[in-house]
Every structure is written in C-alpha cells, then in structure tokens.
Amino acid sequence: MPKVLTASRVRVAAANEAEYLATLRELTQFAEARGQRIWLFRHATDAQLFLEFSESRSEMSHRAQASRLPEEIKLEKKLQTIATYAPDAWELWTEVPLTTAES
C-alpha cells in the first residue's frame, strides 16, 4: 500500500520558535509510536520559514485524518496558535512506487 505525505509550509515568529519546536517534538513521539514520521526543515535564508513533512502508511492513519488521543489534539491546536500554516498545508500526497514487483 502506498504511503501518504503532507508537506506543510509553516511560518513561526522568532519569539515562538522554541515553543513550536518543543510542541512538534512532543507530537513526533506520538506519531512514531503508531508508525508515522514527521520531519522538519528550515529554509536556508528565511529562518522563520519551515517545512513540516508528515508521513503515514495510509490516508486514514495520517496525522491530518486519523483519530488521535486528546493529548495529540491539544498539541495540534497549540501548533495552530503559535505558527501560521499555509492554506494547502494539509493536502495529502500519495506515494507513486517507482519500482515494479518481480514475478
């Protein structure tokens, strides 16, 4: 089954960066426990611009769709208050396998 990914542009004010990183680290622990991955990248010349990649095994298990624990929901809401997500931040992208199965 193909993996599912979101690639989210996120703007974080310098004053909120430490809280943003701590919150995302905490959320990542929940994600890893259920086989999801979260990666974070910073723009090379704009220190307040980040890319969050969130990967899961399926659309229904993805961070943008899955049922989650109350603690995770709280963390996601916190991220929304300390960072600005681009309008297309939660578009789901489905993996396209580039290899074929051998017979």
N, C-alpha and C. Protein backbone atom coordinates (compact mmCIF):
# COMPACT_ATOMS: atom_id res chain seq x y z
N MET A 1 0.85 -1.17 0.00
CA MET A 1 0.00 0.00 0.00
C MET A 1 0.90 1.25 0.00
N PRO A 2 0.59 2.23 -0.84
CA PRO A 2 1.43 3.44 -0.91
C PRO A 2 1.33 4.28 0.37
N LYS A 3 2.43 4.93 0.68
CA LYS A 3 2.47 5.83 1.82
C LYS A 3 1.78 7.14 1.47
N VAL A 4 1.44 7.91 2.51
CA VAL A 4 0.78 9.20 2.34
C VAL A 4 1.61 10.26 3.05
N LEU A 5 1.69 11.44 2.45
CA LEU A 5 2.55 12.50 2.95
C LEU A 5 1.84 13.85 2.87
N THR A 6 2.11 14.71 3.84
CA THR A 6 1.78 16.13 3.71
C THR A 6 3.10 16.89 3.77
N ALA A 7 3.16 17.97 3.03
CA ALA A 7 4.32 18.87 3.04
C ALA A 7 3.76 20.25 3.36
N SER A 8 4.01 20.72 4.56
CA SER A 8 3.37 21.94 5.05
C SER A 8 4.38 23.06 5.24
N ARG A 9 4.14 24.20 4.57
CA ARG A 9 4.93 25.40 4.83
C ARG A 9 4.39 26.03 6.10
N VAL A 10 5.31 26.35 7.01
CA VAL A 10 4.91 26.88 8.31
C VAL A 10 5.78 28.09 8.63
N ARG A 11 5.15 29.19 8.97
CA ARG A 11 5.88 30.39 9.38
C ARG A 11 5.76 30.50 10.90
N VAL A 12 6.93 30.66 11.55
CA VAL A 12 6.98 30.72 13.00
C VAL A 12 7.75 31.97 13.41
N ALA A 13 7.11 32.82 14.19
CA ALA A 13 7.79 34.02 14.70
C ALA A 13 8.95 33.59 15.58
N ALA A 14 10.03 34.35 15.54
CA ALA A 14 11.22 34.01 16.33
C ALA A 14 10.88 33.82 17.80
N ALA A 15 9.97 34.62 18.31
CA ALA A 15 9.58 34.52 19.72
C ALA A 15 8.87 33.20 20.04
N ASN A 16 8.31 32.54 19.04
CA ASN A 16 7.57 31.29 19.24
C ASN A 16 8.35 30.04 18.87
N GLU A 17 9.56 30.22 18.35
CA GLU A 17 10.28 29.08 17.80
C GLU A 17 10.54 27.98 18.83
N ALA A 18 11.01 28.30 19.99
CA ALA A 18 11.33 27.27 21.00
C ALA A 18 10.06 26.48 21.37
N GLU A 19 8.96 27.18 21.55
CA GLU A 19 7.70 26.51 21.89
C GLU A 19 7.20 25.64 20.72
N TYR A 20 7.35 26.15 19.50
CA TYR A 20 6.96 25.40 18.31
C TYR A 20 7.76 24.10 18.22
N LEU A 21 9.08 24.20 18.34
CA LEU A 21 9.93 23.02 18.25
C LEU A 21 9.62 22.00 19.35
N ALA A 22 9.43 22.48 20.56
CA ALA A 22 9.12 21.59 21.68
C ALA A 22 7.78 20.88 21.45
N THR A 23 6.80 21.62 20.96
CA THR A 23 5.47 21.04 20.71
C THR A 23 5.54 20.01 19.60
N LEU A 24 6.26 20.33 18.53
CA LEU A 24 6.39 19.37 17.43
C LEU A 24 7.18 18.13 17.85
N ARG A 25 8.19 18.30 18.69
CA ARG A 25 8.94 17.13 19.22
C ARG A 25 8.00 16.21 19.99
N GLU A 26 7.17 16.81 20.81
CA GLU A 26 6.23 16.01 21.62
C GLU A 26 5.23 15.28 20.71
N LEU A 27 4.74 15.96 19.71
CA LEU A 27 3.81 15.35 18.77
C LEU A 27 4.48 14.22 17.98
N THR A 28 5.75 14.40 17.68
CA THR A 28 6.51 13.38 16.95
C THR A 28 6.60 12.08 17.74
N GLN A 29 6.69 12.16 19.05
CA GLN A 29 6.73 10.96 19.88
C GLN A 29 5.45 10.15 19.73
N PHE A 30 4.32 10.83 19.71
CA PHE A 30 3.04 10.13 19.50
C PHE A 30 3.02 9.50 18.10
N ALA A 31 3.46 10.27 17.11
CA ALA A 31 3.45 9.79 15.73
C ALA A 31 4.32 8.54 15.56
N GLU A 32 5.52 8.58 16.10
CA GLU A 32 6.43 7.44 15.97
C GLU A 32 5.87 6.19 16.62
N ALA A 33 5.13 6.35 17.70
CA ALA A 33 4.54 5.21 18.39
C ALA A 33 3.52 4.46 17.52
N ARG A 34 2.96 5.14 16.53
CA ARG A 34 1.99 4.48 15.65
C ARG A 34 2.52 4.32 14.22
N GLY A 35 3.83 4.42 14.06
CA GLY A 35 4.44 4.16 12.76
C GLY A 35 4.40 5.33 11.79
N GLN A 36 4.15 6.52 12.27
CA GLN A 36 4.16 7.71 11.43
C GLN A 36 5.51 8.40 11.58
N ARG A 37 5.85 9.26 10.62
CA ARG A 37 7.10 10.00 10.68
C ARG A 37 6.81 11.48 10.48
N ILE A 38 7.55 12.32 11.17
CA ILE A 38 7.48 13.76 10.98
C ILE A 38 8.91 14.26 10.82
N TRP A 39 9.14 15.03 9.76
CA TRP A 39 10.45 15.66 9.53
C TRP A 39 10.24 17.16 9.50
N LEU A 40 11.25 17.89 9.89
CA LEU A 40 11.18 19.35 9.88
C LEU A 40 12.44 19.91 9.23
N PHE A 41 12.24 20.86 8.32
CA PHE A 41 13.34 21.54 7.64
C PHE A 41 13.14 23.04 7.76
N ARG A 42 14.26 23.76 7.86
CA ARG A 42 14.23 25.22 7.92
C ARG A 42 14.72 25.76 6.57
N HIS A 43 14.10 26.83 6.11
CA HIS A 43 14.51 27.48 4.87
C HIS A 43 15.94 28.00 5.02
N ALA A 44 16.73 27.92 3.97
CA ALA A 44 18.15 28.29 4.03
C ALA A 44 18.39 29.77 4.30
N THR A 45 17.47 30.64 3.84
CA THR A 45 17.71 32.08 4.01
C THR A 45 16.61 32.79 4.80
N ASP A 46 15.53 32.10 5.10
CA ASP A 46 14.42 32.69 5.87
C ASP A 46 14.24 31.84 7.13
N ALA A 47 14.86 32.26 8.21
CA ALA A 47 14.92 31.46 9.44
C ALA A 47 13.56 31.20 10.08
N GLN A 48 12.55 31.95 9.69
CA GLN A 48 11.22 31.75 10.28
C GLN A 48 10.31 30.87 9.44
N LEU A 49 10.82 30.36 8.32
CA LEU A 49 10.02 29.52 7.43
C LEU A 49 10.50 28.07 7.52
N PHE A 50 9.55 27.18 7.78
CA PHE A 50 9.85 25.76 7.94
C PHE A 50 9.00 24.94 6.97
N LEU A 51 9.47 23.72 6.71
CA LEU A 51 8.67 22.71 6.01
C LEU A 51 8.50 21.54 6.96
N GLU A 52 7.25 21.18 7.23
CA GLU A 52 6.92 20.01 8.04
C GLU A 52 6.46 18.92 7.09
N PHE A 53 7.11 17.79 7.14
CA PHE A 53 6.68 16.63 6.37
C PHE A 53 6.11 15.61 7.36
N SER A 54 4.91 15.13 7.08
CA SER A 54 4.29 14.12 7.91
C SER A 54 3.92 12.94 7.02
N GLU A 55 4.42 11.76 7.38
CA GLU A 55 4.20 10.57 6.57
C GLU A 55 3.48 9.50 7.38
N SER A 56 2.61 8.76 6.70
CA SER A 56 1.93 7.63 7.34
C SER A 56 1.77 6.50 6.33
N ARG A 57 1.33 5.38 6.83
CA ARG A 57 1.16 4.20 5.97
C ARG A 57 -0.08 4.26 5.09
N SER A 58 -1.06 5.09 5.48
CA SER A 58 -2.29 5.19 4.69
C SER A 58 -2.95 6.54 4.95
N GLU A 59 -3.90 6.86 4.10
CA GLU A 59 -4.62 8.13 4.25
C GLU A 59 -5.34 8.20 5.58
N MET A 60 -5.99 7.13 5.96
CA MET A 60 -6.78 7.14 7.19
C MET A 60 -5.93 7.15 8.45
N SER A 61 -4.66 6.77 8.34
CA SER A 61 -3.79 6.80 9.52
C SER A 61 -2.96 8.07 9.58
N HIS A 62 -3.13 8.95 8.60
CA HIS A 62 -2.31 10.16 8.56
C HIS A 62 -2.72 11.15 9.64
N ARG A 63 -1.77 11.90 10.08
CA ARG A 63 -1.94 12.93 11.11
C ARG A 63 -3.10 13.89 10.78
N ALA A 64 -3.32 14.16 9.51
CA ALA A 64 -4.37 15.08 9.09
C ALA A 64 -5.76 14.46 9.17
N GLN A 65 -5.84 13.13 9.30
CA GLN A 65 -7.13 12.45 9.22
C GLN A 65 -7.45 11.53 10.40
N ALA A 66 -6.44 10.94 10.97
CA ALA A 66 -6.63 9.86 11.93
C ALA A 66 -7.26 10.34 13.24
N SER A 67 -7.95 9.41 13.88
CA SER A 67 -8.40 9.65 15.24
C SER A 67 -7.17 9.68 16.12
N ARG A 68 -7.16 10.61 17.06
CA ARG A 68 -5.98 10.74 17.90
C ARG A 68 -6.36 10.90 19.36
N LEU A 69 -5.37 10.73 20.19
CA LEU A 69 -5.57 10.90 21.63
C LEU A 69 -5.82 12.37 21.94
N PRO A 70 -6.52 12.66 23.04
CA PRO A 70 -6.77 14.04 23.42
C PRO A 70 -5.49 14.86 23.55
N GLU A 71 -4.40 14.22 24.00
CA GLU A 71 -3.13 14.94 24.15
C GLU A 71 -2.59 15.40 22.79
N GLU A 72 -2.76 14.55 21.77
CA GLU A 72 -2.31 14.91 20.42
C GLU A 72 -3.15 16.05 19.84
N ILE A 73 -4.43 15.99 20.06
CA ILE A 73 -5.32 17.04 19.57
C ILE A 73 -4.94 18.37 20.22
N LYS A 74 -4.64 18.33 21.49
CA LYS A 74 -4.21 19.54 22.21
C LYS A 74 -2.92 20.10 21.60
N LEU A 75 -1.97 19.23 21.30
CA LEU A 75 -0.70 19.67 20.70
C LEU A 75 -0.93 20.27 19.31
N GLU A 76 -1.77 19.64 18.50
CA GLU A 76 -2.07 20.17 17.17
C GLU A 76 -2.70 21.56 17.26
N LYS A 77 -3.63 21.72 18.19
CA LYS A 77 -4.27 23.04 18.38
C LYS A 77 -3.25 24.07 18.83
N LYS A 78 -2.32 23.66 19.69
CA LYS A 78 -1.28 24.57 20.15
C LYS A 78 -0.41 25.03 18.97
N LEU A 79 -0.05 24.08 18.08
CA LEU A 79 0.73 24.45 16.91
C LEU A 79 0.01 25.50 16.07
N GLN A 80 -1.29 25.38 15.95
CA GLN A 80 -2.08 26.33 15.16
C GLN A 80 -2.06 27.74 15.77
N THR A 81 -1.84 27.83 17.07
CA THR A 81 -1.83 29.15 17.70
C THR A 81 -0.45 29.80 17.71
N ILE A 82 0.62 29.00 17.59
CA ILE A 82 1.97 29.56 17.67
C ILE A 82 2.66 29.62 16.31
N ALA A 83 2.02 29.06 15.28
CA ALA A 83 2.61 29.05 13.94
C ALA A 83 1.52 29.32 12.91
N THR A 84 1.93 29.79 11.74
CA THR A 84 0.99 30.05 10.65
C THR A 84 1.25 29.03 9.55
N TYR A 85 0.25 28.18 9.30
CA TYR A 85 0.35 27.16 8.27
C TYR A 85 -0.19 27.70 6.95
N ALA A 86 0.46 27.35 5.85
CA ALA A 86 0.00 27.73 4.52
C ALA A 86 -1.37 27.11 4.27
N PRO A 87 -2.19 27.74 3.41
CA PRO A 87 -3.54 27.22 3.15
C PRO A 87 -3.56 25.77 2.65
N ASP A 88 -2.53 25.35 1.93
CA ASP A 88 -2.51 23.98 1.40
C ASP A 88 -1.74 23.01 2.30
N ALA A 89 -1.53 23.39 3.53
CA ALA A 89 -0.68 22.62 4.44
C ALA A 89 -1.12 21.18 4.65
N TRP A 90 -2.40 20.90 4.53
CA TRP A 90 -2.87 19.56 4.86
C TRP A 90 -3.32 18.76 3.64
N GLU A 91 -2.86 19.19 2.45
CA GLU A 91 -3.14 18.39 1.25
C GLU A 91 -2.38 17.08 1.34
N LEU A 92 -3.08 15.99 1.08
CA LEU A 92 -2.45 14.67 1.15
C LEU A 92 -1.85 14.31 -0.21
N TRP A 93 -0.64 13.77 -0.16
CA TRP A 93 0.07 13.31 -1.34
C TRP A 93 0.29 11.81 -1.18
N THR A 94 0.01 11.04 -2.24
CA THR A 94 0.13 9.59 -2.19
C THR A 94 1.37 9.15 -2.96
N GLU A 95 2.13 8.28 -2.34
CA GLU A 95 3.35 7.76 -2.95
C GLU A 95 3.07 7.06 -4.29
N VAL A 96 3.93 7.29 -5.25
CA VAL A 96 3.89 6.60 -6.53
C VAL A 96 5.11 5.69 -6.58
N PRO A 97 4.91 4.39 -6.45
CA PRO A 97 6.05 3.46 -6.48
C PRO A 97 6.78 3.55 -7.81
N LEU A 98 8.10 3.59 -7.77
CA LEU A 98 8.91 3.68 -8.97
C LEU A 98 9.57 2.36 -9.33
N THR A 99 9.30 1.34 -8.55
CA THR A 99 9.81 0.02 -8.87
C THR A 99 8.63 -0.90 -9.11
N THR A 100 8.85 -1.94 -9.88
CA THR A 100 7.78 -2.90 -10.12
C THR A 100 8.06 -4.16 -9.34
N ALA A 101 7.01 -4.82 -8.95
CA ALA A 101 7.16 -6.08 -8.21
C ALA A 101 7.67 -7.15 -9.17
N GLU A 102 8.60 -7.95 -8.70
CA GLU A 102 9.12 -9.02 -9.53
C GLU A 102 8.16 -10.20 -9.51
N SER A 103 8.06 -10.90 -10.65
CA SER A 103 7.15 -12.04 -10.74
C SER A 103 7.75 -13.28 -10.16
